[in-house]
Amino acid sequence: MIAKLKGRLDSTGLDHAIIDVGGVGYLVGASSRTLAALGPVGEAVTVHTEMLVSDDAIRLVGFARAEERDWFRLLTGVQGVGSRVALAILSALEPVELHRAVAAGDKAMIARANGVGPKLAQRIANELKDKIGAAPMPAGAVGAGFAALPTGGHSADAISALQNLGFKPAEASIAVAAAEEELGEDASLDALVRLALRKAAK
């Protein structure tokens, strides 16, 4: 599972970038916001990634910031929201703006994204309103009843592993956060996943 790429920006397209890591070029789908944040071709870049596995393809989607990747996971957990729609939403809205729109049930703001109609925008707001504690919060929200995402080295991989096993993004994030708090940030990925599974199953 690939959670992050660190290398050189080889090239960019309308909806993707190619990251050269040790001579291997990784094609990474990305939002316009992420592509703009990567900087000029030839410069060193770090991209947070999500690996999408389907019956006929394996794709990487990249994000300039981890919080965008976390919102991508939440969005694609909503029925009717695929990777393209999720990237369109993240192109139109900053994570803080998206959080504000979901919390307020502002479907008009969510519908600003290409390919998102009023009904889908309403579904996104309804389904994510109770889950946004699993996503990074805007400044000042800490301590207001929101759960923080785990920050250790293996946390992103552990969250992806639980999602691949059928857990929702919010459930996976909360379970991994609890496991990491108990085991410490130096815990191995295997130990983190095993404990998170036990906590998620309770």
N, C-alpha and C. Protein backbone atom coordinates (compact mmCIF):
# COMPACT_ATOMS: atom_id res chain seq x y z
N MET A 1 0.84 -1.19 0.00
CA MET A 1 0.00 0.00 0.00
C MET A 1 0.89 1.25 0.00
N ILE A 2 0.61 2.17 -0.90
CA ILE A 2 1.42 3.39 -1.03
C ILE A 2 0.67 4.55 -0.40
N ALA A 3 1.23 5.13 0.67
CA ALA A 3 0.57 6.23 1.37
C ALA A 3 1.20 7.58 1.08
N LYS A 4 2.44 7.58 0.57
CA LYS A 4 3.12 8.85 0.31
C LYS A 4 4.21 8.65 -0.73
N LEU A 5 4.40 9.64 -1.58
CA LEU A 5 5.49 9.64 -2.55
C LEU A 5 6.34 10.89 -2.32
N LYS A 6 7.65 10.69 -2.31
CA LYS A 6 8.57 11.82 -2.16
C LYS A 6 9.59 11.72 -3.29
N GLY A 7 9.58 12.70 -4.18
CA GLY A 7 10.47 12.64 -5.32
C GLY A 7 10.53 13.96 -6.05
N ARG A 8 10.60 13.88 -7.39
CA ARG A 8 10.70 15.08 -8.23
C ARG A 8 9.49 15.14 -9.15
N LEU A 9 8.94 16.34 -9.29
CA LEU A 9 7.79 16.51 -10.19
C LEU A 9 8.28 16.44 -11.63
N ASP A 10 7.89 15.37 -12.31
CA ASP A 10 8.34 15.15 -13.69
C ASP A 10 7.50 15.94 -14.69
N SER A 11 6.17 15.90 -14.51
CA SER A 11 5.26 16.62 -15.41
C SER A 11 3.87 16.67 -14.79
N THR A 12 3.02 17.53 -15.37
CA THR A 12 1.63 17.61 -14.92
C THR A 12 0.71 17.65 -16.13
N GLY A 13 -0.53 17.20 -15.92
CA GLY A 13 -1.57 17.28 -16.93
C GLY A 13 -2.78 17.98 -16.35
N LEU A 14 -3.92 17.88 -17.04
CA LEU A 14 -5.12 18.55 -16.55
C LEU A 14 -5.61 17.97 -15.23
N ASP A 15 -5.43 16.65 -15.06
CA ASP A 15 -5.97 16.01 -13.87
C ASP A 15 -4.98 15.03 -13.23
N HIS A 16 -3.71 15.20 -13.53
CA HIS A 16 -2.73 14.26 -12.97
C HIS A 16 -1.33 14.87 -12.94
N ALA A 17 -0.46 14.21 -12.20
CA ALA A 17 0.96 14.57 -12.19
C ALA A 17 1.77 13.27 -12.26
N ILE A 18 2.98 13.38 -12.75
CA ILE A 18 3.90 12.25 -12.73
C ILE A 18 5.04 12.59 -11.78
N ILE A 19 5.20 11.75 -10.75
CA ILE A 19 6.22 11.97 -9.74
C ILE A 19 7.34 10.96 -9.97
N ASP A 20 8.55 11.46 -10.17
CA ASP A 20 9.72 10.60 -10.37
C ASP A 20 10.33 10.27 -9.00
N VAL A 21 10.25 9.00 -8.64
CA VAL A 21 10.82 8.54 -7.38
C VAL A 21 11.90 7.52 -7.69
N GLY A 22 13.15 7.95 -7.60
CA GLY A 22 14.27 7.05 -7.88
C GLY A 22 14.27 6.49 -9.28
N GLY A 23 13.82 7.29 -10.24
CA GLY A 23 13.82 6.84 -11.63
C GLY A 23 12.54 6.16 -12.07
N VAL A 24 11.60 5.96 -11.14
CA VAL A 24 10.30 5.36 -11.47
C VAL A 24 9.25 6.46 -11.48
N GLY A 25 8.51 6.58 -12.58
CA GLY A 25 7.49 7.62 -12.68
C GLY A 25 6.13 7.12 -12.24
N TYR A 26 5.58 7.72 -11.19
CA TYR A 26 4.25 7.34 -10.69
C TYR A 26 3.21 8.32 -11.23
N LEU A 27 2.22 7.79 -11.93
CA LEU A 27 1.12 8.61 -12.42
C LEU A 27 0.10 8.76 -11.29
N VAL A 28 -0.15 10.00 -10.90
CA VAL A 28 -1.00 10.28 -9.73
C VAL A 28 -2.12 11.22 -10.15
N GLY A 29 -3.38 10.76 -10.03
CA GLY A 29 -4.50 11.65 -10.27
C GLY A 29 -4.56 12.71 -9.18
N ALA A 30 -5.04 13.89 -9.51
CA ALA A 30 -5.02 14.97 -8.51
C ALA A 30 -6.06 16.03 -8.83
N SER A 31 -6.48 16.75 -7.80
CA SER A 31 -7.38 17.88 -7.97
C SER A 31 -6.59 19.07 -8.51
N SER A 32 -7.30 20.04 -9.06
CA SER A 32 -6.63 21.24 -9.56
C SER A 32 -5.92 21.97 -8.43
N ARG A 33 -6.49 21.90 -7.22
CA ARG A 33 -5.90 22.57 -6.06
C ARG A 33 -4.54 21.94 -5.72
N THR A 34 -4.48 20.61 -5.75
CA THR A 34 -3.23 19.91 -5.47
C THR A 34 -2.20 20.19 -6.55
N LEU A 35 -2.63 20.14 -7.81
CA LEU A 35 -1.69 20.39 -8.91
C LEU A 35 -1.08 21.79 -8.81
N ALA A 36 -1.90 22.76 -8.41
CA ALA A 36 -1.40 24.13 -8.27
C ALA A 36 -0.41 24.25 -7.13
N ALA A 37 -0.58 23.40 -6.10
CA ALA A 37 0.27 23.48 -4.92
C ALA A 37 1.61 22.75 -5.09
N LEU A 38 1.74 21.95 -6.12
CA LEU A 38 2.95 21.15 -6.27
C LEU A 38 4.18 21.97 -6.67
N GLY A 39 3.95 23.10 -7.33
CA GLY A 39 5.08 23.91 -7.73
C GLY A 39 5.58 23.57 -9.12
N PRO A 40 6.74 24.11 -9.50
CA PRO A 40 7.24 23.93 -10.87
C PRO A 40 7.79 22.54 -11.13
N VAL A 41 7.72 22.13 -12.39
CA VAL A 41 8.30 20.85 -12.83
C VAL A 41 9.79 20.84 -12.53
N GLY A 42 10.27 19.71 -12.04
CA GLY A 42 11.69 19.57 -11.73
C GLY A 42 12.02 19.77 -10.27
N GLU A 43 11.05 20.32 -9.51
CA GLU A 43 11.28 20.57 -8.09
C GLU A 43 10.92 19.33 -7.26
N ALA A 44 11.49 19.27 -6.06
CA ALA A 44 11.18 18.17 -5.14
C ALA A 44 9.76 18.34 -4.60
N VAL A 45 9.02 17.23 -4.52
CA VAL A 45 7.65 17.28 -4.02
C VAL A 45 7.39 16.09 -3.10
N THR A 46 6.43 16.28 -2.21
CA THR A 46 5.91 15.19 -1.38
C THR A 46 4.41 15.15 -1.59
N VAL A 47 3.90 13.99 -1.96
CA VAL A 47 2.48 13.84 -2.26
C VAL A 47 1.89 12.74 -1.39
N HIS A 48 0.83 13.05 -0.66
CA HIS A 48 0.09 12.04 0.11
C HIS A 48 -0.83 11.32 -0.86
N THR A 49 -0.88 10.01 -0.78
CA THR A 49 -1.61 9.26 -1.80
C THR A 49 -2.65 8.31 -1.22
N GLU A 50 -3.60 7.99 -2.07
CA GLU A 50 -4.60 6.96 -1.79
C GLU A 50 -4.58 5.99 -2.97
N MET A 51 -4.47 4.72 -2.68
CA MET A 51 -4.44 3.71 -3.74
C MET A 51 -5.85 3.17 -3.96
N LEU A 52 -6.32 3.25 -5.20
CA LEU A 52 -7.65 2.77 -5.55
C LEU A 52 -7.51 1.48 -6.36
N VAL A 53 -8.08 0.42 -5.84
CA VAL A 53 -7.97 -0.88 -6.49
C VAL A 53 -9.35 -1.31 -6.98
N SER A 54 -9.46 -1.59 -8.28
CA SER A 54 -10.70 -2.10 -8.86
C SER A 54 -10.41 -3.41 -9.59
N ASP A 55 -11.43 -3.97 -10.20
CA ASP A 55 -11.25 -5.25 -10.88
C ASP A 55 -10.25 -5.18 -12.02
N ASP A 56 -10.18 -4.03 -12.67
CA ASP A 56 -9.33 -3.94 -13.87
C ASP A 56 -8.23 -2.88 -13.79
N ALA A 57 -8.04 -2.28 -12.63
CA ALA A 57 -7.02 -1.23 -12.55
C ALA A 57 -6.59 -0.96 -11.12
N ILE A 58 -5.36 -0.44 -10.99
CA ILE A 58 -4.86 0.09 -9.72
C ILE A 58 -4.41 1.51 -10.01
N ARG A 59 -4.99 2.47 -9.29
CA ARG A 59 -4.67 3.88 -9.53
C ARG A 59 -4.23 4.55 -8.24
N LEU A 60 -3.41 5.58 -8.40
CA LEU A 60 -3.01 6.41 -7.27
C LEU A 60 -3.66 7.78 -7.43
N VAL A 61 -4.18 8.30 -6.32
CA VAL A 61 -4.67 9.67 -6.28
C VAL A 61 -3.81 10.41 -5.28
N GLY A 62 -3.34 11.60 -5.66
CA GLY A 62 -2.41 12.32 -4.81
C GLY A 62 -2.96 13.63 -4.27
N PHE A 63 -2.41 14.03 -3.12
CA PHE A 63 -2.88 15.24 -2.44
C PHE A 63 -1.68 15.98 -1.87
N ALA A 64 -1.72 17.30 -1.97
CA ALA A 64 -0.64 18.11 -1.44
C ALA A 64 -0.61 18.08 0.08
N ARG A 65 -1.79 17.89 0.68
CA ARG A 65 -1.89 17.85 2.15
C ARG A 65 -2.65 16.60 2.59
N ALA A 66 -2.26 16.07 3.74
CA ALA A 66 -2.90 14.87 4.26
C ALA A 66 -4.39 15.10 4.54
N GLU A 67 -4.76 16.31 4.94
CA GLU A 67 -6.16 16.56 5.27
C GLU A 67 -7.05 16.45 4.03
N GLU A 68 -6.51 16.80 2.85
CA GLU A 68 -7.28 16.63 1.62
C GLU A 68 -7.51 15.14 1.34
N ARG A 69 -6.49 14.33 1.57
CA ARG A 69 -6.63 12.89 1.38
C ARG A 69 -7.69 12.32 2.33
N ASP A 70 -7.71 12.82 3.56
CA ASP A 70 -8.68 12.33 4.54
C ASP A 70 -10.11 12.70 4.13
N TRP A 71 -10.26 13.90 3.58
CA TRP A 71 -11.58 14.29 3.09
C TRP A 71 -11.96 13.46 1.87
N PHE A 72 -11.00 13.14 1.02
CA PHE A 72 -11.26 12.28 -0.15
C PHE A 72 -11.83 10.94 0.31
N ARG A 73 -11.25 10.38 1.37
CA ARG A 73 -11.74 9.10 1.89
C ARG A 73 -13.17 9.23 2.41
N LEU A 74 -13.46 10.31 3.11
CA LEU A 74 -14.81 10.53 3.60
C LEU A 74 -15.80 10.69 2.45
N LEU A 75 -15.43 11.49 1.47
CA LEU A 75 -16.32 11.76 0.34
C LEU A 75 -16.63 10.50 -0.46
N THR A 76 -15.61 9.69 -0.73
CA THR A 76 -15.83 8.50 -1.54
C THR A 76 -16.58 7.41 -0.76
N GLY A 77 -16.77 7.62 0.53
CA GLY A 77 -17.58 6.71 1.32
C GLY A 77 -19.07 6.99 1.19
N VAL A 78 -19.41 8.10 0.52
CA VAL A 78 -20.81 8.47 0.30
C VAL A 78 -21.30 7.82 -0.99
N GLN A 79 -22.48 7.21 -0.95
CA GLN A 79 -23.03 6.58 -2.14
C GLN A 79 -23.17 7.60 -3.27
N GLY A 80 -22.68 7.23 -4.45
CA GLY A 80 -22.77 8.11 -5.60
C GLY A 80 -21.58 9.03 -5.79
N VAL A 81 -20.64 9.00 -4.86
CA VAL A 81 -19.45 9.85 -4.98
C VAL A 81 -18.25 8.97 -5.31
N GLY A 82 -17.82 9.03 -6.56
CA GLY A 82 -16.63 8.32 -6.99
C GLY A 82 -15.41 9.21 -6.86
N SER A 83 -14.28 8.70 -7.31
CA SER A 83 -13.04 9.46 -7.16
C SER A 83 -13.06 10.77 -7.96
N ARG A 84 -13.68 10.75 -9.15
CA ARG A 84 -13.71 11.97 -9.97
C ARG A 84 -14.54 13.06 -9.30
N VAL A 85 -15.69 12.69 -8.77
CA VAL A 85 -16.55 13.68 -8.10
C VAL A 85 -15.87 14.20 -6.83
N ALA A 86 -15.23 13.30 -6.08
CA ALA A 86 -14.53 13.72 -4.86
C ALA A 86 -13.42 14.72 -5.19
N LEU A 87 -12.68 14.46 -6.26
CA LEU A 87 -11.62 15.39 -6.67
C LEU A 87 -12.20 16.72 -7.15
N ALA A 88 -13.35 16.66 -7.81
CA ALA A 88 -14.00 17.91 -8.24
C ALA A 88 -14.40 18.76 -7.05
N ILE A 89 -14.91 18.11 -6.00
CA ILE A 89 -15.28 18.83 -4.79
C ILE A 89 -14.06 19.44 -4.12
N LEU A 90 -12.97 18.67 -4.08
CA LEU A 90 -11.74 19.17 -3.45
C LEU A 90 -11.05 20.23 -4.31
N SER A 91 -11.38 20.26 -5.60
CA SER A 91 -10.87 21.33 -6.46
C SER A 91 -11.62 22.63 -6.19
N ALA A 92 -12.92 22.49 -5.87
CA ALA A 92 -13.76 23.67 -5.68
C ALA A 92 -13.69 24.24 -4.27
N LEU A 93 -13.44 23.37 -3.28
CA LEU A 93 -13.49 23.82 -1.89
C LEU A 93 -12.25 23.42 -1.11
N GLU A 94 -11.76 24.32 -0.30
CA GLU A 94 -10.71 24.00 0.67
C GLU A 94 -11.30 23.08 1.72
N PRO A 95 -10.48 22.23 2.35
CA PRO A 95 -11.01 21.37 3.42
C PRO A 95 -11.78 22.13 4.49
N VAL A 96 -11.30 23.29 4.89
CA VAL A 96 -12.00 24.08 5.91
C VAL A 96 -13.37 24.53 5.40
N GLU A 97 -13.43 24.93 4.11
CA GLU A 97 -14.71 25.34 3.53
C GLU A 97 -15.67 24.16 3.44
N LEU A 98 -15.12 23.00 3.08
CA LEU A 98 -15.94 21.79 2.97
C LEU A 98 -16.49 21.39 4.33
N HIS A 99 -15.64 21.48 5.35
CA HIS A 99 -16.10 21.17 6.70
C HIS A 99 -17.22 22.10 7.12
N ARG A 100 -17.05 23.37 6.83
CA ARG A 100 -18.06 24.36 7.21
C ARG A 100 -19.38 24.08 6.48
N ALA A 101 -19.29 23.73 5.19
CA ALA A 101 -20.49 23.46 4.39
C ALA A 101 -21.22 22.22 4.90
N VAL A 102 -20.48 21.16 5.22
CA VAL A 102 -21.10 19.93 5.71
C VAL A 102 -21.74 20.17 7.07
N ALA A 103 -21.01 20.84 7.95
CA ALA A 103 -21.51 21.09 9.30
C ALA A 103 -22.80 21.92 9.28
N ALA A 104 -22.88 22.86 8.31
CA ALA A 104 -24.05 23.74 8.22
C ALA A 104 -25.14 23.18 7.32
N GLY A 105 -24.85 22.04 6.66
CA GLY A 105 -25.81 21.49 5.71
C GLY A 105 -25.99 22.38 4.49
N ASP A 106 -24.93 23.08 4.11
CA ASP A 106 -24.99 24.04 3.00
C ASP A 106 -24.78 23.31 1.67
N LYS A 107 -25.88 22.76 1.12
CA LYS A 107 -25.76 21.98 -0.12
C LYS A 107 -25.39 22.87 -1.31
N ALA A 108 -25.75 24.14 -1.24
CA ALA A 108 -25.43 25.05 -2.35
C ALA A 108 -23.92 25.21 -2.50
N MET A 109 -23.21 25.29 -1.38
CA MET A 109 -21.76 25.42 -1.45
C MET A 109 -21.13 24.15 -2.00
N ILE A 110 -21.61 22.99 -1.53
CA ILE A 110 -21.06 21.72 -2.01
C ILE A 110 -21.35 21.55 -3.49
N ALA A 111 -22.51 22.02 -3.94
CA ALA A 111 -22.92 21.88 -5.34
C ALA A 111 -22.15 22.80 -6.28
N ARG A 112 -21.26 23.63 -5.74
CA ARG A 112 -20.41 24.46 -6.60
C ARG A 112 -19.45 23.61 -7.41
N ALA A 113 -19.18 22.39 -6.96
CA ALA A 113 -18.25 21.52 -7.66
C ALA A 113 -18.88 20.96 -8.92
N ASN A 114 -18.08 20.81 -9.96
CA ASN A 114 -18.56 20.24 -11.22
C ASN A 114 -19.05 18.82 -11.00
N GLY A 115 -20.23 18.52 -11.55
CA GLY A 115 -20.77 17.17 -11.46
C GLY A 115 -21.54 16.88 -10.19
N VAL A 116 -21.72 17.89 -9.35
CA VAL A 116 -22.46 17.69 -8.09
C VAL A 116 -23.77 18.47 -8.16
N GLY A 117 -24.88 17.72 -8.24
CA GLY A 117 -26.19 18.35 -8.25
C GLY A 117 -26.72 18.54 -6.85
N PRO A 118 -27.87 19.21 -6.73
CA PRO A 118 -28.45 19.48 -5.39
C PRO A 118 -28.72 18.22 -4.58
N LYS A 119 -29.23 17.16 -5.21
CA LYS A 119 -29.55 15.94 -4.47
C LYS A 119 -28.30 15.27 -3.92
N LEU A 120 -27.25 15.20 -4.74
CA LEU A 120 -26.01 14.59 -4.28
C LEU A 120 -25.36 15.45 -3.20
N ALA A 121 -25.42 16.77 -3.38
CA ALA A 121 -24.86 17.68 -2.38
C ALA A 121 -25.56 17.50 -1.04
N GLN A 122 -26.89 17.32 -1.08
CA GLN A 122 -27.65 17.11 0.15
C GLN A 122 -27.27 15.79 0.81
N ARG A 123 -27.07 14.74 -0.02
CA ARG A 123 -26.69 13.44 0.52
C ARG A 123 -25.32 13.52 1.18
N ILE A 124 -24.39 14.23 0.56
CA ILE A 124 -23.05 14.39 1.13
C ILE A 124 -23.13 15.08 2.49
N ALA A 125 -23.90 16.16 2.54
CA ALA A 125 -24.04 16.90 3.80
C ALA A 125 -24.68 16.02 4.88
N ASN A 126 -25.72 15.28 4.50
CA ASN A 126 -26.44 14.45 5.47
C ASN A 126 -25.56 13.31 6.01
N GLU A 127 -24.85 12.62 5.09
CA GLU A 127 -24.09 11.45 5.49
C GLU A 127 -22.80 11.79 6.23
N LEU A 128 -22.22 12.95 5.93
CA LEU A 128 -20.93 13.28 6.54
C LEU A 128 -21.05 14.14 7.79
N LYS A 129 -22.24 14.66 8.03
CA LYS A 129 -22.39 15.57 9.17
C LYS A 129 -21.97 14.92 10.48
N ASP A 130 -22.31 13.64 10.64
CA ASP A 130 -21.97 12.94 11.88
C ASP A 130 -20.58 12.32 11.84
N LYS A 131 -19.90 12.43 10.71
CA LYS A 131 -18.60 11.77 10.56
C LYS A 131 -17.43 12.74 10.50
N ILE A 132 -17.71 14.03 10.41
CA ILE A 132 -16.62 14.97 10.14
C ILE A 132 -15.65 15.12 11.29
N GLY A 133 -15.94 14.51 12.44
CA GLY A 133 -14.95 14.48 13.50
C GLY A 133 -13.74 13.66 13.12
N ALA A 134 -13.86 12.82 12.07
CA ALA A 134 -12.75 11.99 11.63
C ALA A 134 -11.86 12.72 10.64
N ALA A 135 -12.24 13.93 10.27
CA ALA A 135 -11.44 14.70 9.31
C ALA A 135 -10.79 15.88 10.01
N PRO A 136 -9.69 16.41 9.46
CA PRO A 136 -9.02 17.55 10.08
C PRO A 136 -9.97 18.73 10.22
N MET A 137 -9.92 19.37 11.35
CA MET A 137 -10.81 20.47 11.64
C MET A 137 -10.13 21.82 11.41
N PRO A 138 -10.91 22.86 11.14
CA PRO A 138 -10.34 24.19 11.03
C PRO A 138 -9.80 24.67 12.37
N ALA A 139 -8.94 25.67 12.33
CA ALA A 139 -8.33 26.19 13.55
C ALA A 139 -9.42 26.59 14.54
N GLY A 140 -9.21 26.24 15.80
CA GLY A 140 -10.16 26.60 16.82
C GLY A 140 -11.17 25.51 17.12
N ALA A 141 -11.22 24.46 16.27
CA ALA A 141 -12.22 23.41 16.48
C ALA A 141 -11.75 22.36 17.46
N VAL A 142 -10.44 22.29 17.71
CA VAL A 142 -9.91 21.29 18.63
C VAL A 142 -10.50 21.53 20.01
N GLY A 143 -10.94 20.45 20.63
CA GLY A 143 -11.55 20.57 21.95
C GLY A 143 -13.03 20.86 21.91
N ALA A 144 -13.58 20.97 20.69
CA ALA A 144 -15.02 21.26 20.57
C ALA A 144 -15.82 19.99 20.33
N GLY A 145 -15.26 18.86 20.74
CA GLY A 145 -16.00 17.61 20.60
C GLY A 145 -15.64 16.83 19.35
N PHE A 146 -14.63 17.28 18.60
CA PHE A 146 -14.23 16.58 17.39
C PHE A 146 -13.07 15.64 17.70
N ALA A 147 -13.07 14.49 17.04
CA ALA A 147 -11.97 13.54 17.20
C ALA A 147 -10.85 13.88 16.23
N ALA A 148 -9.64 13.87 16.72
CA ALA A 148 -8.50 14.18 15.86
C ALA A 148 -8.05 12.91 15.14
N LEU A 149 -7.50 13.09 13.95
CA LEU A 149 -6.95 11.96 13.22
C LEU A 149 -5.63 11.53 13.85
N PRO A 150 -5.31 10.24 13.81
CA PRO A 150 -4.00 9.81 14.28
C PRO A 150 -2.92 10.40 13.41
N THR A 151 -1.74 10.62 13.99
CA THR A 151 -0.67 11.31 13.27
C THR A 151 0.60 10.50 13.14
N GLY A 152 0.65 9.28 13.66
CA GLY A 152 1.86 8.47 13.61
C GLY A 152 2.22 8.02 12.21
N GLY A 153 3.41 7.40 12.09
CA GLY A 153 3.93 7.05 10.80
C GLY A 153 3.11 6.02 10.03
N HIS A 154 2.49 5.06 10.74
CA HIS A 154 1.75 4.00 10.07
C HIS A 154 0.25 4.23 10.06
N SER A 155 -0.21 5.35 10.60
CA SER A 155 -1.65 5.54 10.77
C SER A 155 -2.41 5.55 9.45
N ALA A 156 -1.87 6.22 8.43
CA ALA A 156 -2.57 6.30 7.15
C ALA A 156 -2.72 4.92 6.52
N ASP A 157 -1.65 4.11 6.60
CA ASP A 157 -1.72 2.75 6.05
C ASP A 157 -2.71 1.90 6.83
N ALA A 158 -2.74 2.06 8.15
CA ALA A 158 -3.66 1.29 8.98
C ALA A 158 -5.11 1.66 8.67
N ILE A 159 -5.37 2.95 8.49
CA ILE A 159 -6.72 3.41 8.14
C ILE A 159 -7.14 2.82 6.80
N SER A 160 -6.24 2.85 5.81
CA SER A 160 -6.54 2.28 4.50
C SER A 160 -6.82 0.79 4.60
N ALA A 161 -6.05 0.09 5.44
CA ALA A 161 -6.24 -1.35 5.61
C ALA A 161 -7.63 -1.65 6.16
N LEU A 162 -8.08 -0.88 7.16
CA LEU A 162 -9.40 -1.11 7.73
C LEU A 162 -10.50 -0.77 6.72
N GLN A 163 -10.28 0.29 5.93
CA GLN A 163 -11.27 0.63 4.91
C GLN A 163 -11.38 -0.48 3.87
N ASN A 164 -10.26 -1.07 3.51
CA ASN A 164 -10.27 -2.17 2.54
C ASN A 164 -11.01 -3.38 3.09
N LEU A 165 -11.12 -3.48 4.41
CA LEU A 165 -11.83 -4.58 5.04
C LEU A 165 -13.32 -4.26 5.25
N GLY A 166 -13.73 -3.06 4.78
CA GLY A 166 -15.15 -2.73 4.82
C GLY A 166 -15.57 -1.71 5.85
N PHE A 167 -14.63 -1.21 6.65
CA PHE A 167 -14.99 -0.21 7.65
C PHE A 167 -15.12 1.17 6.98
N LYS A 168 -16.03 1.98 7.49
CA LYS A 168 -16.19 3.33 6.97
C LYS A 168 -14.99 4.18 7.37
N PRO A 169 -14.70 5.26 6.61
CA PRO A 169 -13.54 6.10 6.93
C PRO A 169 -13.53 6.61 8.37
N ALA A 170 -14.69 7.05 8.85
CA ALA A 170 -14.75 7.57 10.22
C ALA A 170 -14.46 6.47 11.24
N GLU A 171 -15.05 5.29 11.02
CA GLU A 171 -14.82 4.17 11.94
C GLU A 171 -13.35 3.78 11.96
N ALA A 172 -12.75 3.71 10.77
CA ALA A 172 -11.34 3.32 10.67
C ALA A 172 -10.45 4.35 11.37
N SER A 173 -10.72 5.63 11.16
CA SER A 173 -9.90 6.69 11.75
C SER A 173 -9.96 6.67 13.28
N ILE A 174 -11.17 6.50 13.80
CA ILE A 174 -11.35 6.50 15.25
C ILE A 174 -10.66 5.28 15.88
N ALA A 175 -10.81 4.11 15.24
CA ALA A 175 -10.20 2.88 15.76
C ALA A 175 -8.69 2.96 15.74
N VAL A 176 -8.13 3.49 14.66
CA VAL A 176 -6.67 3.60 14.55
C VAL A 176 -6.15 4.63 15.56
N ALA A 177 -6.88 5.72 15.75
CA ALA A 177 -6.47 6.73 16.73
C ALA A 177 -6.40 6.12 18.12
N ALA A 178 -7.41 5.31 18.46
CA ALA A 178 -7.45 4.68 19.78
C ALA A 178 -6.32 3.67 19.93
N ALA A 179 -6.06 2.90 18.86
CA ALA A 179 -4.99 1.90 18.90
C ALA A 179 -3.62 2.57 19.02
N GLU A 180 -3.45 3.66 18.29
CA GLU A 180 -2.16 4.36 18.32
C GLU A 180 -1.93 5.00 19.70
N GLU A 181 -2.98 5.48 20.31
CA GLU A 181 -2.85 6.08 21.65
C GLU A 181 -2.40 5.03 22.66
N GLU A 182 -2.90 3.81 22.49
CA GLU A 182 -2.57 2.74 23.42
C GLU A 182 -1.17 2.17 23.16
N LEU A 183 -0.81 2.04 21.89
CA LEU A 183 0.46 1.40 21.53
C LEU A 183 1.63 2.38 21.41
N GLY A 184 1.31 3.64 21.14
CA GLY A 184 2.38 4.62 20.91
C GLY A 184 2.68 4.76 19.42
N GLU A 185 3.30 5.87 19.05
CA GLU A 185 3.54 6.16 17.63
C GLU A 185 4.58 5.24 16.99
N ASP A 186 5.37 4.54 17.80
CA ASP A 186 6.40 3.66 17.25
C ASP A 186 5.89 2.24 16.98
N ALA A 187 4.61 2.01 17.17
CA ALA A 187 4.05 0.68 16.97
C ALA A 187 4.19 0.26 15.51
N SER A 188 4.36 -1.04 15.29
CA SER A 188 4.46 -1.56 13.93
C SER A 188 3.09 -1.49 13.27
N LEU A 189 3.08 -1.48 11.93
CA LEU A 189 1.82 -1.42 11.19
C LEU A 189 0.95 -2.63 11.53
N ASP A 190 1.55 -3.80 11.61
CA ASP A 190 0.80 -5.02 11.90
C ASP A 190 0.10 -4.93 13.26
N ALA A 191 0.84 -4.48 14.27
CA ALA A 191 0.26 -4.37 15.62
C ALA A 191 -0.85 -3.32 15.64
N LEU A 192 -0.62 -2.22 14.93
CA LEU A 192 -1.61 -1.14 14.89
C LEU A 192 -2.91 -1.62 14.25
N VAL A 193 -2.79 -2.34 13.13
CA VAL A 193 -3.99 -2.83 12.42
C VAL A 193 -4.73 -3.85 13.28
N ARG A 194 -3.98 -4.77 13.92
CA ARG A 194 -4.63 -5.80 14.74
C ARG A 194 -5.43 -5.20 15.90
N LEU A 195 -4.82 -4.24 16.61
CA LEU A 195 -5.51 -3.63 17.73
C LEU A 195 -6.67 -2.76 17.26
N ALA A 196 -6.46 -2.05 16.16
CA ALA A 196 -7.53 -1.20 15.61
C ALA A 196 -8.73 -2.05 15.20
N LEU A 197 -8.46 -3.23 14.64
CA LEU A 197 -9.55 -4.14 14.25
C LEU A 197 -10.36 -4.56 15.48
N ARG A 198 -9.65 -4.87 16.57
CA ARG A 198 -10.36 -5.28 17.78
C ARG A 198 -11.23 -4.14 18.33
N LYS A 199 -10.67 -2.93 18.27
CA LYS A 199 -11.42 -1.78 18.79
C LYS A 199 -12.61 -1.44 17.88
N ALA A 200 -12.42 -1.57 16.58
CA ALA A 200 -13.49 -1.25 15.63
C ALA A 200 -14.62 -2.26 15.72
N ALA A 201 -14.29 -3.49 16.11
CA ALA A 201 -15.30 -4.56 16.17
C ALA A 201 -16.14 -4.51 17.44
N LYS A 202 -15.74 -3.69 18.42
CA LYS A 202 -16.46 -3.62 19.68
C LYS A 202 -17.82 -2.94 19.50
